[in-house]
Amino acid sequence: MIRVLVVDDQQLMREGLVALLDMLDDVEVVGNAGNGRDALARLAETPADVVLMDLRMPVLDGVDTTKQISARYPETAVLVLTTYDDDSSIAAALQAGARGYLTKDAGRVEIAAAVRSAAAGQSTFDPAVSARLVAALSRAEPAKRELPDGLTEREGQILALIGRGLSNAEIAAQLFIGQATVKTHINNAFAKIGARNRADATRYAYDHDLS
């Protein structure tokens, strides 16, 4: 049996998901919670194979809850089920450790299949989310070219995004990497090009046609 914990701040949604999952012969709903704090408390009492996780919740949201589950219970798979399919929400959930990402447009067949895939260690993504991931990867992997001053592809890419006025958080979301990684690349790039600030980096990106 696949043990599932349902986490959503909307009671009607929680009850609907519990009812849906209870109809599956190979799934046992071991509990439900209306926020991340309660979800963590329930997991401490009753292990789950899969957590069906909403993102926007009071007290403790889905991203922070997913991070804590990934750290405390690495054997538990988090499957996000949310209304939001924007790049920043997807990136935050995946960086936190979510194994799959569905929107609430998903039907019962898709949800059931995603729960089974997550329990088996596989990833499942909503078609709209998959399309966004492909687009992001396309942006993140431009054709290789020789860059000046010993810059790596990623450093050149980040300088180009700085040149477009993006913040570190926006760069991290667009490239699907952590903000700490972005800062490391920026520090390395600035050292190579002799930039003291983002204005210097913007001029460099413009002068060297990095965009």
N, C-alpha and C. Protein backbone atom coordinates (compact mmCIF):
# COMPACT_ATOMS: atom_id res chain seq x y z
N MET A 1 0.84 -1.20 0.00
CA MET A 1 0.00 0.00 0.00
C MET A 1 0.88 1.26 0.00
N ILE A 2 0.46 2.26 -0.76
CA ILE A 2 1.14 3.55 -0.79
C ILE A 2 0.49 4.45 0.25
N ARG A 3 1.28 4.84 1.23
CA ARG A 3 0.76 5.70 2.30
C ARG A 3 0.87 7.16 1.87
N VAL A 4 -0.26 7.89 1.92
CA VAL A 4 -0.30 9.26 1.42
C VAL A 4 -0.81 10.21 2.50
N LEU A 5 -0.13 11.35 2.63
CA LEU A 5 -0.58 12.44 3.48
C LEU A 5 -1.02 13.58 2.57
N VAL A 6 -2.23 14.08 2.76
CA VAL A 6 -2.77 15.16 1.94
C VAL A 6 -2.64 16.48 2.70
N VAL A 7 -2.02 17.48 2.06
CA VAL A 7 -1.80 18.78 2.70
C VAL A 7 -2.34 19.89 1.82
N ASP A 8 -3.39 20.57 2.31
CA ASP A 8 -4.00 21.67 1.56
C ASP A 8 -4.78 22.52 2.55
N ASP A 9 -4.70 23.83 2.40
CA ASP A 9 -5.38 24.68 3.38
C ASP A 9 -6.88 24.81 3.11
N GLN A 10 -7.35 24.36 1.97
CA GLN A 10 -8.79 24.41 1.67
C GLN A 10 -9.44 23.08 2.07
N GLN A 11 -10.34 23.16 3.03
CA GLN A 11 -10.94 21.94 3.55
C GLN A 11 -11.66 21.14 2.47
N LEU A 12 -12.39 21.83 1.60
CA LEU A 12 -13.12 21.13 0.55
C LEU A 12 -12.16 20.39 -0.38
N MET A 13 -11.03 21.01 -0.71
CA MET A 13 -10.04 20.37 -1.57
C MET A 13 -9.45 19.16 -0.87
N ARG A 14 -9.12 19.31 0.42
CA ARG A 14 -8.56 18.18 1.18
C ARG A 14 -9.52 17.00 1.19
N GLU A 15 -10.77 17.29 1.49
CA GLU A 15 -11.76 16.22 1.58
C GLU A 15 -11.95 15.54 0.23
N GLY A 16 -11.91 16.34 -0.86
CA GLY A 16 -12.06 15.76 -2.19
C GLY A 16 -10.90 14.86 -2.54
N LEU A 17 -9.69 15.29 -2.20
CA LEU A 17 -8.51 14.48 -2.49
C LEU A 17 -8.49 13.20 -1.66
N VAL A 18 -8.87 13.32 -0.40
CA VAL A 18 -8.93 12.13 0.45
C VAL A 18 -9.93 11.13 -0.11
N ALA A 19 -11.10 11.63 -0.52
CA ALA A 19 -12.13 10.75 -1.08
C ALA A 19 -11.64 10.09 -2.36
N LEU A 20 -10.96 10.86 -3.20
CA LEU A 20 -10.42 10.32 -4.46
C LEU A 20 -9.41 9.21 -4.18
N LEU A 21 -8.49 9.48 -3.28
CA LEU A 21 -7.42 8.51 -3.00
C LEU A 21 -7.96 7.28 -2.28
N ASP A 22 -8.99 7.46 -1.46
CA ASP A 22 -9.57 6.31 -0.76
C ASP A 22 -10.20 5.30 -1.72
N MET A 23 -10.49 5.73 -2.94
CA MET A 23 -11.08 4.84 -3.93
C MET A 23 -10.04 3.93 -4.58
N LEU A 24 -8.77 4.21 -4.36
CA LEU A 24 -7.71 3.43 -5.00
C LEU A 24 -7.32 2.25 -4.13
N ASP A 25 -7.25 1.08 -4.72
CA ASP A 25 -6.98 -0.15 -3.95
C ASP A 25 -5.57 -0.18 -3.37
N ASP A 26 -4.64 0.52 -4.02
CA ASP A 26 -3.25 0.43 -3.58
C ASP A 26 -2.78 1.65 -2.79
N VAL A 27 -3.73 2.50 -2.35
CA VAL A 27 -3.39 3.72 -1.62
C VAL A 27 -4.11 3.75 -0.27
N GLU A 28 -3.37 4.16 0.75
CA GLU A 28 -3.95 4.38 2.08
C GLU A 28 -3.66 5.82 2.49
N VAL A 29 -4.70 6.60 2.73
CA VAL A 29 -4.53 7.97 3.22
C VAL A 29 -4.28 7.90 4.72
N VAL A 30 -3.08 8.30 5.14
CA VAL A 30 -2.72 8.18 6.55
C VAL A 30 -3.00 9.45 7.33
N GLY A 31 -3.46 10.50 6.65
CA GLY A 31 -3.79 11.73 7.34
C GLY A 31 -3.92 12.89 6.39
N ASN A 32 -4.37 14.03 6.92
CA ASN A 32 -4.43 15.25 6.13
C ASN A 32 -4.14 16.43 7.04
N ALA A 33 -3.70 17.53 6.45
CA ALA A 33 -3.32 18.71 7.22
C ALA A 33 -3.63 19.96 6.43
N GLY A 34 -3.88 21.06 7.15
CA GLY A 34 -4.23 22.31 6.50
C GLY A 34 -3.09 23.29 6.37
N ASN A 35 -1.91 22.93 6.89
CA ASN A 35 -0.73 23.79 6.74
C ASN A 35 0.52 22.94 6.94
N GLY A 36 1.66 23.52 6.63
CA GLY A 36 2.91 22.76 6.70
C GLY A 36 3.30 22.33 8.09
N ARG A 37 3.04 23.16 9.08
CA ARG A 37 3.40 22.80 10.45
C ARG A 37 2.66 21.56 10.90
N ASP A 38 1.35 21.52 10.61
CA ASP A 38 0.56 20.35 10.98
C ASP A 38 1.01 19.12 10.19
N ALA A 39 1.40 19.33 8.93
CA ALA A 39 1.87 18.21 8.11
C ALA A 39 3.12 17.57 8.71
N LEU A 40 4.05 18.41 9.16
CA LEU A 40 5.28 17.89 9.76
C LEU A 40 4.98 17.15 11.06
N ALA A 41 4.02 17.66 11.82
CA ALA A 41 3.64 16.99 13.06
C ALA A 41 3.03 15.62 12.78
N ARG A 42 2.23 15.54 11.74
CA ARG A 42 1.62 14.25 11.39
C ARG A 42 2.66 13.26 10.88
N LEU A 43 3.61 13.76 10.10
CA LEU A 43 4.66 12.88 9.60
C LEU A 43 5.52 12.33 10.73
N ALA A 44 5.70 13.13 11.77
CA ALA A 44 6.49 12.66 12.91
C ALA A 44 5.79 11.50 13.62
N GLU A 45 4.47 11.46 13.51
CA GLU A 45 3.70 10.40 14.17
C GLU A 45 3.45 9.21 13.24
N THR A 46 3.16 9.51 11.97
CA THR A 46 2.79 8.46 11.02
C THR A 46 3.56 8.66 9.71
N PRO A 47 4.47 7.76 9.37
CA PRO A 47 5.24 7.89 8.12
C PRO A 47 4.33 7.86 6.89
N ALA A 48 4.78 8.50 5.83
CA ALA A 48 4.05 8.48 4.56
C ALA A 48 5.05 8.25 3.43
N ASP A 49 4.59 7.58 2.39
CA ASP A 49 5.42 7.38 1.20
C ASP A 49 5.37 8.60 0.29
N VAL A 50 4.19 9.23 0.24
CA VAL A 50 3.98 10.39 -0.62
C VAL A 50 3.21 11.46 0.15
N VAL A 51 3.65 12.71 0.01
CA VAL A 51 2.90 13.84 0.54
C VAL A 51 2.37 14.64 -0.64
N LEU A 52 1.06 14.76 -0.73
CA LEU A 52 0.41 15.55 -1.78
C LEU A 52 0.31 16.96 -1.23
N MET A 53 1.11 17.88 -1.78
CA MET A 53 1.39 19.16 -1.13
C MET A 53 0.90 20.37 -1.92
N ASP A 54 0.08 21.20 -1.26
CA ASP A 54 -0.27 22.50 -1.80
C ASP A 54 0.90 23.45 -1.55
N LEU A 55 1.00 24.55 -2.30
CA LEU A 55 2.11 25.48 -2.11
C LEU A 55 1.75 26.67 -1.23
N ARG A 56 0.66 27.34 -1.52
CA ARG A 56 0.30 28.56 -0.78
C ARG A 56 -0.59 28.19 0.40
N MET A 57 -0.01 28.23 1.60
CA MET A 57 -0.75 27.88 2.82
C MET A 57 -0.31 28.79 3.95
N PRO A 58 -1.18 28.99 4.95
CA PRO A 58 -0.79 29.79 6.12
C PRO A 58 0.15 29.01 7.03
N VAL A 59 0.72 29.69 8.00
CA VAL A 59 1.58 29.14 9.06
C VAL A 59 2.94 28.70 8.49
N LEU A 60 2.91 27.70 7.59
CA LEU A 60 4.14 27.24 6.93
C LEU A 60 3.76 26.80 5.53
N ASP A 61 4.35 27.46 4.52
CA ASP A 61 3.92 27.18 3.14
C ASP A 61 4.52 25.88 2.60
N GLY A 62 4.08 25.53 1.40
CA GLY A 62 4.47 24.25 0.82
C GLY A 62 5.94 24.14 0.48
N VAL A 63 6.56 25.24 0.07
CA VAL A 63 7.99 25.19 -0.28
C VAL A 63 8.84 24.91 0.95
N ASP A 64 8.61 25.67 2.02
CA ASP A 64 9.40 25.46 3.24
C ASP A 64 9.11 24.09 3.85
N THR A 65 7.86 23.66 3.75
CA THR A 65 7.52 22.33 4.27
C THR A 65 8.23 21.24 3.47
N THR A 66 8.27 21.41 2.16
CA THR A 66 8.96 20.45 1.30
C THR A 66 10.44 20.37 1.64
N LYS A 67 11.06 21.52 1.89
CA LYS A 67 12.48 21.53 2.27
C LYS A 67 12.69 20.71 3.54
N GLN A 68 11.81 20.90 4.52
CA GLN A 68 11.97 20.19 5.79
C GLN A 68 11.70 18.70 5.64
N ILE A 69 10.73 18.36 4.82
CA ILE A 69 10.46 16.94 4.59
C ILE A 69 11.65 16.28 3.89
N SER A 70 12.20 16.97 2.90
CA SER A 70 13.35 16.42 2.16
C SER A 70 14.54 16.19 3.09
N ALA A 71 14.71 17.10 4.06
CA ALA A 71 15.83 16.98 4.99
C ALA A 71 15.58 15.92 6.06
N ARG A 72 14.35 15.88 6.58
CA ARG A 72 14.06 14.97 7.69
C ARG A 72 13.64 13.57 7.24
N TYR A 73 12.91 13.53 6.13
CA TYR A 73 12.35 12.25 5.67
C TYR A 73 12.67 12.05 4.19
N PRO A 74 13.93 11.81 3.86
CA PRO A 74 14.32 11.70 2.45
C PRO A 74 13.63 10.56 1.71
N GLU A 75 13.09 9.60 2.44
CA GLU A 75 12.39 8.49 1.80
C GLU A 75 10.96 8.87 1.42
N THR A 76 10.50 10.03 1.86
CA THR A 76 9.14 10.48 1.55
C THR A 76 9.16 11.39 0.33
N ALA A 77 8.35 11.07 -0.65
CA ALA A 77 8.28 11.87 -1.88
C ALA A 77 7.22 12.95 -1.75
N VAL A 78 7.57 14.18 -2.14
CA VAL A 78 6.61 15.27 -2.14
C VAL A 78 6.11 15.49 -3.57
N LEU A 79 4.81 15.44 -3.73
CA LEU A 79 4.16 15.68 -5.02
C LEU A 79 3.33 16.96 -4.87
N VAL A 80 3.73 18.01 -5.55
CA VAL A 80 3.04 19.29 -5.44
C VAL A 80 1.75 19.25 -6.26
N LEU A 81 0.67 19.73 -5.66
CA LEU A 81 -0.60 19.91 -6.36
C LEU A 81 -1.09 21.31 -6.01
N THR A 82 -1.02 22.21 -6.98
CA THR A 82 -1.27 23.63 -6.70
C THR A 82 -1.98 24.30 -7.85
N THR A 83 -2.48 25.49 -7.58
CA THR A 83 -3.12 26.30 -8.62
C THR A 83 -2.09 26.97 -9.51
N TYR A 84 -0.88 27.15 -8.99
CA TYR A 84 0.12 28.01 -9.63
C TYR A 84 1.08 27.22 -10.52
N ASP A 85 1.30 27.74 -11.74
CA ASP A 85 2.25 27.10 -12.65
C ASP A 85 3.25 28.09 -13.22
N ASP A 86 3.51 29.18 -12.47
CA ASP A 86 4.49 30.16 -12.92
C ASP A 86 5.91 29.65 -12.66
N ASP A 87 6.86 30.23 -13.37
CA ASP A 87 8.25 29.76 -13.30
C ASP A 87 8.81 29.78 -11.89
N SER A 88 8.53 30.86 -11.14
CA SER A 88 9.13 30.98 -9.81
C SER A 88 8.57 29.93 -8.86
N SER A 89 7.28 29.62 -8.95
CA SER A 89 6.68 28.59 -8.09
C SER A 89 7.24 27.22 -8.41
N ILE A 90 7.36 26.92 -9.70
CA ILE A 90 7.90 25.63 -10.13
C ILE A 90 9.34 25.49 -9.66
N ALA A 91 10.14 26.53 -9.90
CA ALA A 91 11.55 26.48 -9.52
C ALA A 91 11.71 26.30 -8.02
N ALA A 92 10.93 27.06 -7.23
CA ALA A 92 11.04 26.98 -5.78
C ALA A 92 10.70 25.59 -5.27
N ALA A 93 9.64 24.99 -5.84
CA ALA A 93 9.22 23.66 -5.40
C ALA A 93 10.26 22.60 -5.75
N LEU A 94 10.80 22.66 -6.95
CA LEU A 94 11.79 21.67 -7.37
C LEU A 94 13.09 21.82 -6.60
N GLN A 95 13.50 23.07 -6.36
CA GLN A 95 14.71 23.30 -5.58
C GLN A 95 14.54 22.82 -4.14
N ALA A 96 13.30 22.87 -3.64
CA ALA A 96 13.03 22.41 -2.27
C ALA A 96 13.04 20.89 -2.17
N GLY A 97 12.93 20.21 -3.32
CA GLY A 97 13.00 18.76 -3.30
C GLY A 97 11.75 18.03 -3.78
N ALA A 98 10.78 18.76 -4.34
CA ALA A 98 9.57 18.11 -4.82
C ALA A 98 9.89 17.14 -5.95
N ARG A 99 9.23 15.99 -5.95
CA ARG A 99 9.49 14.97 -6.96
C ARG A 99 8.57 15.12 -8.17
N GLY A 100 7.46 15.79 -8.00
CA GLY A 100 6.54 16.00 -9.11
C GLY A 100 5.76 17.28 -8.91
N TYR A 101 5.09 17.75 -9.97
CA TYR A 101 4.39 19.03 -9.90
C TYR A 101 3.16 18.95 -10.79
N LEU A 102 1.99 19.04 -10.18
CA LEU A 102 0.73 19.05 -10.90
C LEU A 102 -0.04 20.32 -10.57
N THR A 103 -0.86 20.78 -11.50
CA THR A 103 -1.79 21.86 -11.18
C THR A 103 -3.14 21.25 -10.82
N LYS A 104 -3.98 22.07 -10.22
CA LYS A 104 -5.28 21.57 -9.77
C LYS A 104 -6.26 21.36 -10.91
N ASP A 105 -5.80 21.58 -12.14
CA ASP A 105 -6.59 21.19 -13.31
C ASP A 105 -6.48 19.69 -13.57
N ALA A 106 -5.54 19.03 -12.91
CA ALA A 106 -5.33 17.59 -13.14
C ALA A 106 -6.57 16.80 -12.72
N GLY A 107 -6.85 15.76 -13.49
CA GLY A 107 -7.99 14.90 -13.18
C GLY A 107 -7.59 13.78 -12.24
N ARG A 108 -8.55 12.98 -11.83
CA ARG A 108 -8.27 11.93 -10.85
C ARG A 108 -7.33 10.87 -11.40
N VAL A 109 -7.41 10.60 -12.71
CA VAL A 109 -6.51 9.61 -13.31
C VAL A 109 -5.07 10.12 -13.25
N GLU A 110 -4.88 11.40 -13.58
CA GLU A 110 -3.53 11.98 -13.55
C GLU A 110 -2.98 12.02 -12.13
N ILE A 111 -3.82 12.37 -11.17
CA ILE A 111 -3.36 12.44 -9.77
C ILE A 111 -2.98 11.05 -9.27
N ALA A 112 -3.82 10.07 -9.57
CA ALA A 112 -3.53 8.70 -9.13
C ALA A 112 -2.22 8.20 -9.74
N ALA A 113 -2.04 8.46 -11.04
CA ALA A 113 -0.81 8.02 -11.71
C ALA A 113 0.41 8.73 -11.13
N ALA A 114 0.27 10.01 -10.81
CA ALA A 114 1.39 10.77 -10.27
C ALA A 114 1.77 10.28 -8.87
N VAL A 115 0.79 9.94 -8.06
CA VAL A 115 1.07 9.41 -6.73
C VAL A 115 1.83 8.10 -6.84
N ARG A 116 1.40 7.23 -7.74
CA ARG A 116 2.09 5.94 -7.92
C ARG A 116 3.52 6.16 -8.43
N SER A 117 3.69 7.10 -9.36
CA SER A 117 5.03 7.38 -9.89
C SER A 117 5.95 7.93 -8.81
N ALA A 118 5.42 8.85 -7.99
CA ALA A 118 6.22 9.44 -6.92
C ALA A 118 6.65 8.36 -5.92
N ALA A 119 5.74 7.47 -5.59
CA ALA A 119 6.06 6.39 -4.66
C ALA A 119 7.12 5.46 -5.23
N ALA A 120 7.16 5.34 -6.55
CA ALA A 120 8.14 4.47 -7.22
C ALA A 120 9.46 5.19 -7.49
N GLY A 121 9.57 6.44 -7.05
CA GLY A 121 10.81 7.18 -7.24
C GLY A 121 10.89 7.91 -8.57
N GLN A 122 9.78 8.03 -9.26
CA GLN A 122 9.77 8.70 -10.55
C GLN A 122 9.16 10.09 -10.43
N SER A 123 9.44 10.93 -11.42
CA SER A 123 8.91 12.29 -11.43
C SER A 123 7.75 12.41 -12.41
N THR A 124 6.77 13.22 -12.04
CA THR A 124 5.63 13.47 -12.90
C THR A 124 5.34 14.96 -12.93
N PHE A 125 5.12 15.48 -14.14
CA PHE A 125 4.85 16.91 -14.26
C PHE A 125 3.60 17.13 -15.12
N ASP A 126 2.82 18.11 -14.72
CA ASP A 126 1.68 18.55 -15.51
C ASP A 126 2.19 18.98 -16.89
N PRO A 127 1.41 18.74 -17.97
CA PRO A 127 1.88 19.13 -19.31
C PRO A 127 2.29 20.60 -19.41
N ALA A 128 1.55 21.49 -18.76
CA ALA A 128 1.91 22.91 -18.81
C ALA A 128 3.23 23.15 -18.09
N VAL A 129 3.45 22.44 -17.00
CA VAL A 129 4.70 22.57 -16.26
C VAL A 129 5.86 22.02 -17.08
N SER A 130 5.63 20.89 -17.72
CA SER A 130 6.67 20.30 -18.58
C SER A 130 7.08 21.27 -19.67
N ALA A 131 6.10 21.95 -20.25
CA ALA A 131 6.40 22.91 -21.31
C ALA A 131 7.26 24.05 -20.77
N ARG A 132 6.96 24.50 -19.56
CA ARG A 132 7.75 25.57 -18.96
C ARG A 132 9.17 25.10 -18.66
N LEU A 133 9.30 23.86 -18.20
CA LEU A 133 10.63 23.32 -17.91
C LEU A 133 11.47 23.23 -19.17
N VAL A 134 10.86 22.77 -20.25
CA VAL A 134 11.57 22.68 -21.53
C VAL A 134 12.01 24.06 -21.99
N ALA A 135 11.10 25.04 -21.87
CA ALA A 135 11.44 26.41 -22.27
C ALA A 135 12.58 26.96 -21.42
N ALA A 136 12.52 26.68 -20.11
CA ALA A 136 13.57 27.17 -19.22
C ALA A 136 14.91 26.53 -19.54
N LEU A 137 14.89 25.23 -19.83
CA LEU A 137 16.14 24.55 -20.18
C LEU A 137 16.70 25.09 -21.49
N SER A 138 15.82 25.44 -22.41
CA SER A 138 16.28 26.00 -23.67
C SER A 138 16.96 27.34 -23.44
N ARG A 139 16.38 28.13 -22.53
CA ARG A 139 16.99 29.42 -22.20
C ARG A 139 18.30 29.22 -21.44
N ALA A 140 18.31 28.16 -20.62
CA ALA A 140 19.48 27.95 -19.77
C ALA A 140 20.66 27.32 -20.50
N GLU A 141 20.42 26.76 -21.69
CA GLU A 141 21.49 26.08 -22.42
C GLU A 141 21.65 26.66 -23.82
N PRO A 142 22.18 27.86 -23.93
CA PRO A 142 22.39 28.44 -25.26
C PRO A 142 23.51 27.73 -25.99
N ALA A 143 23.59 28.01 -27.27
CA ALA A 143 24.66 27.41 -28.06
C ALA A 143 26.01 27.83 -27.50
N LYS A 144 26.94 26.89 -27.47
CA LYS A 144 28.27 27.16 -26.89
C LYS A 144 28.99 28.19 -27.76
N ARG A 145 29.67 29.10 -27.11
CA ARG A 145 30.48 30.08 -27.82
C ARG A 145 31.67 30.43 -26.95
N GLU A 146 32.67 31.00 -27.58
CA GLU A 146 33.85 31.39 -26.83
C GLU A 146 33.61 32.74 -26.19
N LEU A 147 33.76 32.79 -24.87
CA LEU A 147 33.48 34.02 -24.14
C LEU A 147 34.79 34.70 -23.75
N PRO A 148 34.77 36.02 -23.60
CA PRO A 148 36.00 36.75 -23.25
C PRO A 148 36.36 36.57 -21.77
N ASP A 149 37.59 36.84 -21.45
CA ASP A 149 38.09 36.90 -20.07
C ASP A 149 37.92 35.59 -19.30
N GLY A 150 37.87 34.48 -20.02
CA GLY A 150 37.78 33.20 -19.36
C GLY A 150 36.45 32.90 -18.71
N LEU A 151 35.40 33.61 -19.10
CA LEU A 151 34.08 33.38 -18.53
C LEU A 151 33.54 32.02 -18.96
N THR A 152 32.87 31.35 -18.03
CA THR A 152 32.17 30.12 -18.39
C THR A 152 30.84 30.47 -19.03
N GLU A 153 30.19 29.48 -19.65
CA GLU A 153 28.88 29.70 -20.25
C GLU A 153 27.90 30.24 -19.22
N ARG A 154 27.88 29.62 -18.02
CA ARG A 154 26.93 30.03 -16.99
C ARG A 154 27.22 31.45 -16.51
N GLU A 155 28.49 31.80 -16.36
CA GLU A 155 28.83 33.15 -15.91
C GLU A 155 28.40 34.18 -16.96
N GLY A 156 28.64 33.86 -18.24
CA GLY A 156 28.20 34.76 -19.29
C GLY A 156 26.70 34.92 -19.32
N GLN A 157 26.02 33.80 -19.07
CA GLN A 157 24.56 33.80 -19.05
C GLN A 157 24.03 34.70 -17.94
N ILE A 158 24.64 34.58 -16.76
CA ILE A 158 24.20 35.37 -15.62
C ILE A 158 24.52 36.85 -15.82
N LEU A 159 25.66 37.15 -16.40
CA LEU A 159 25.98 38.55 -16.71
C LEU A 159 24.96 39.14 -17.68
N ALA A 160 24.55 38.33 -18.64
CA ALA A 160 23.53 38.80 -19.59
C ALA A 160 22.22 39.11 -18.88
N LEU A 161 21.84 38.28 -17.92
CA LEU A 161 20.59 38.50 -17.18
C LEU A 161 20.71 39.70 -16.25
N ILE A 162 21.89 39.90 -15.68
CA ILE A 162 22.12 41.12 -14.90
C ILE A 162 21.95 42.33 -15.80
N GLY A 163 22.48 42.21 -17.02
CA GLY A 163 22.36 43.30 -17.98
C GLY A 163 20.92 43.62 -18.34
N ARG A 164 20.05 42.63 -18.20
CA ARG A 164 18.62 42.86 -18.46
C ARG A 164 17.89 43.38 -17.23
N GLY A 165 18.62 43.54 -16.13
CA GLY A 165 18.01 44.12 -14.93
C GLY A 165 17.41 43.12 -13.96
N LEU A 166 17.71 41.82 -14.13
CA LEU A 166 17.12 40.82 -13.25
C LEU A 166 17.85 40.77 -11.91
N SER A 167 17.09 40.53 -10.84
CA SER A 167 17.66 40.36 -9.51
C SER A 167 18.21 38.95 -9.37
N ASN A 168 18.95 38.71 -8.28
CA ASN A 168 19.47 37.35 -8.04
C ASN A 168 18.35 36.33 -7.95
N ALA A 169 17.27 36.71 -7.27
CA ALA A 169 16.13 35.78 -7.11
C ALA A 169 15.51 35.48 -8.47
N GLU A 170 15.37 36.49 -9.32
CA GLU A 170 14.78 36.28 -10.65
C GLU A 170 15.70 35.44 -11.52
N ILE A 171 17.01 35.64 -11.40
CA ILE A 171 17.97 34.83 -12.16
C ILE A 171 17.88 33.38 -11.72
N ALA A 172 17.82 33.16 -10.41
CA ALA A 172 17.73 31.79 -9.87
C ALA A 172 16.48 31.09 -10.39
N ALA A 173 15.35 31.81 -10.40
CA ALA A 173 14.10 31.21 -10.86
C ALA A 173 14.16 30.89 -12.35
N GLN A 174 14.74 31.79 -13.14
CA GLN A 174 14.79 31.57 -14.59
C GLN A 174 15.71 30.42 -14.97
N LEU A 175 16.82 30.28 -14.23
CA LEU A 175 17.80 29.25 -14.57
C LEU A 175 17.62 27.97 -13.76
N PHE A 176 16.65 27.98 -12.84
CA PHE A 176 16.38 26.81 -12.00
C PHE A 176 17.61 26.40 -11.19
N ILE A 177 18.25 27.39 -10.57
CA ILE A 177 19.37 27.13 -9.67
C ILE A 177 19.13 27.92 -8.40
N GLY A 178 19.87 27.63 -7.35
CA GLY A 178 19.71 28.32 -6.09
C GLY A 178 20.33 29.70 -6.10
N GLN A 179 19.83 30.58 -5.21
CA GLN A 179 20.37 31.94 -5.14
C GLN A 179 21.84 31.92 -4.68
N ALA A 180 22.19 30.98 -3.82
CA ALA A 180 23.59 30.89 -3.39
C ALA A 180 24.50 30.57 -4.58
N THR A 181 24.01 29.71 -5.48
CA THR A 181 24.78 29.38 -6.68
C THR A 181 24.92 30.60 -7.58
N VAL A 182 23.83 31.36 -7.69
CA VAL A 182 23.88 32.59 -8.49
C VAL A 182 24.94 33.53 -7.94
N LYS A 183 24.97 33.71 -6.62
CA LYS A 183 25.95 34.61 -6.00
C LYS A 183 27.38 34.14 -6.26
N THR A 184 27.60 32.84 -6.20
CA THR A 184 28.94 32.31 -6.47
C THR A 184 29.37 32.63 -7.89
N HIS A 185 28.48 32.39 -8.85
CA HIS A 185 28.80 32.69 -10.25
C HIS A 185 29.06 34.19 -10.45
N ILE A 186 28.26 35.01 -9.78
CA ILE A 186 28.44 36.46 -9.91
C ILE A 186 29.80 36.89 -9.37
N ASN A 187 30.15 36.37 -8.20
CA ASN A 187 31.46 36.71 -7.61
C ASN A 187 32.60 36.31 -8.54
N ASN A 188 32.50 35.10 -9.11
CA ASN A 188 33.55 34.62 -10.02
C ASN A 188 33.62 35.48 -11.28
N ALA A 189 32.46 35.80 -11.82
CA ALA A 189 32.41 36.60 -13.05
C ALA A 189 32.94 38.00 -12.81
N PHE A 190 32.53 38.61 -11.69
CA PHE A 190 32.99 39.97 -11.38
C PHE A 190 34.50 40.00 -11.26
N ALA A 191 35.06 38.96 -10.62
CA ALA A 191 36.52 38.91 -10.46
C ALA A 191 37.22 38.82 -11.82
N LYS A 192 36.65 38.06 -12.74
CA LYS A 192 37.26 37.88 -14.05
C LYS A 192 37.21 39.14 -14.91
N ILE A 193 36.11 39.88 -14.81
CA ILE A 193 35.93 41.05 -15.68
C ILE A 193 36.29 42.36 -14.98
N GLY A 194 36.63 42.27 -13.68
CA GLY A 194 37.00 43.47 -12.94
C GLY A 194 35.83 44.37 -12.61
N ALA A 195 34.64 43.79 -12.49
CA ALA A 195 33.45 44.58 -12.17
C ALA A 195 33.35 44.81 -10.66
N ARG A 196 32.99 46.00 -10.27
CA ARG A 196 32.83 46.31 -8.85
C ARG A 196 31.38 46.25 -8.41
N ASN A 197 30.46 46.35 -9.37
CA ASN A 197 29.04 46.36 -9.04
C ASN A 197 28.23 45.93 -10.26
N ARG A 198 26.90 45.91 -10.09
CA ARG A 198 26.03 45.45 -11.17
C ARG A 198 26.03 46.42 -12.36
N ALA A 199 26.27 47.69 -12.08
CA ALA A 199 26.33 48.66 -13.19
C ALA A 199 27.53 48.35 -14.09
N ASP A 200 28.67 48.02 -13.48
CA ASP A 200 29.84 47.62 -14.27
C ASP A 200 29.53 46.38 -15.08
N ALA A 201 28.85 45.42 -14.44
CA ALA A 201 28.52 44.17 -15.12
C ALA A 201 27.56 44.41 -16.28
N THR A 202 26.62 45.34 -16.10
CA THR A 202 25.67 45.66 -17.16
C THR A 202 26.38 46.27 -18.36
N ARG A 203 27.32 47.17 -18.10
CA ARG A 203 28.09 47.77 -19.20
C ARG A 203 28.91 46.71 -19.92
N TYR A 204 29.50 45.82 -19.15
CA TYR A 204 30.31 44.75 -19.76
C TYR A 204 29.43 43.87 -20.64
N ALA A 205 28.27 43.48 -20.14
CA ALA A 205 27.36 42.63 -20.91
C ALA A 205 26.95 43.30 -22.21
N TYR A 206 26.72 44.63 -22.15
CA TYR A 206 26.34 45.37 -23.34
C TYR A 206 27.51 45.48 -24.32
N ASP A 207 28.69 45.83 -23.80
CA ASP A 207 29.88 46.01 -24.66
C ASP A 207 30.28 44.71 -25.35
N HIS A 208 30.05 43.56 -24.69
CA HIS A 208 30.48 42.28 -25.24
C HIS A 208 29.31 41.47 -25.83
N ASP A 209 28.17 42.12 -25.97
CA ASP A 209 27.00 41.50 -26.64
C ASP A 209 26.69 40.12 -26.03
N LEU A 210 26.56 40.09 -24.70
CA LEU A 210 26.26 38.83 -24.02
C LEU A 210 24.77 38.50 -24.00
N SER A 211 23.93 39.46 -24.30
CA SER A 211 22.48 39.21 -24.20
C SER A 211 21.99 38.34 -25.33
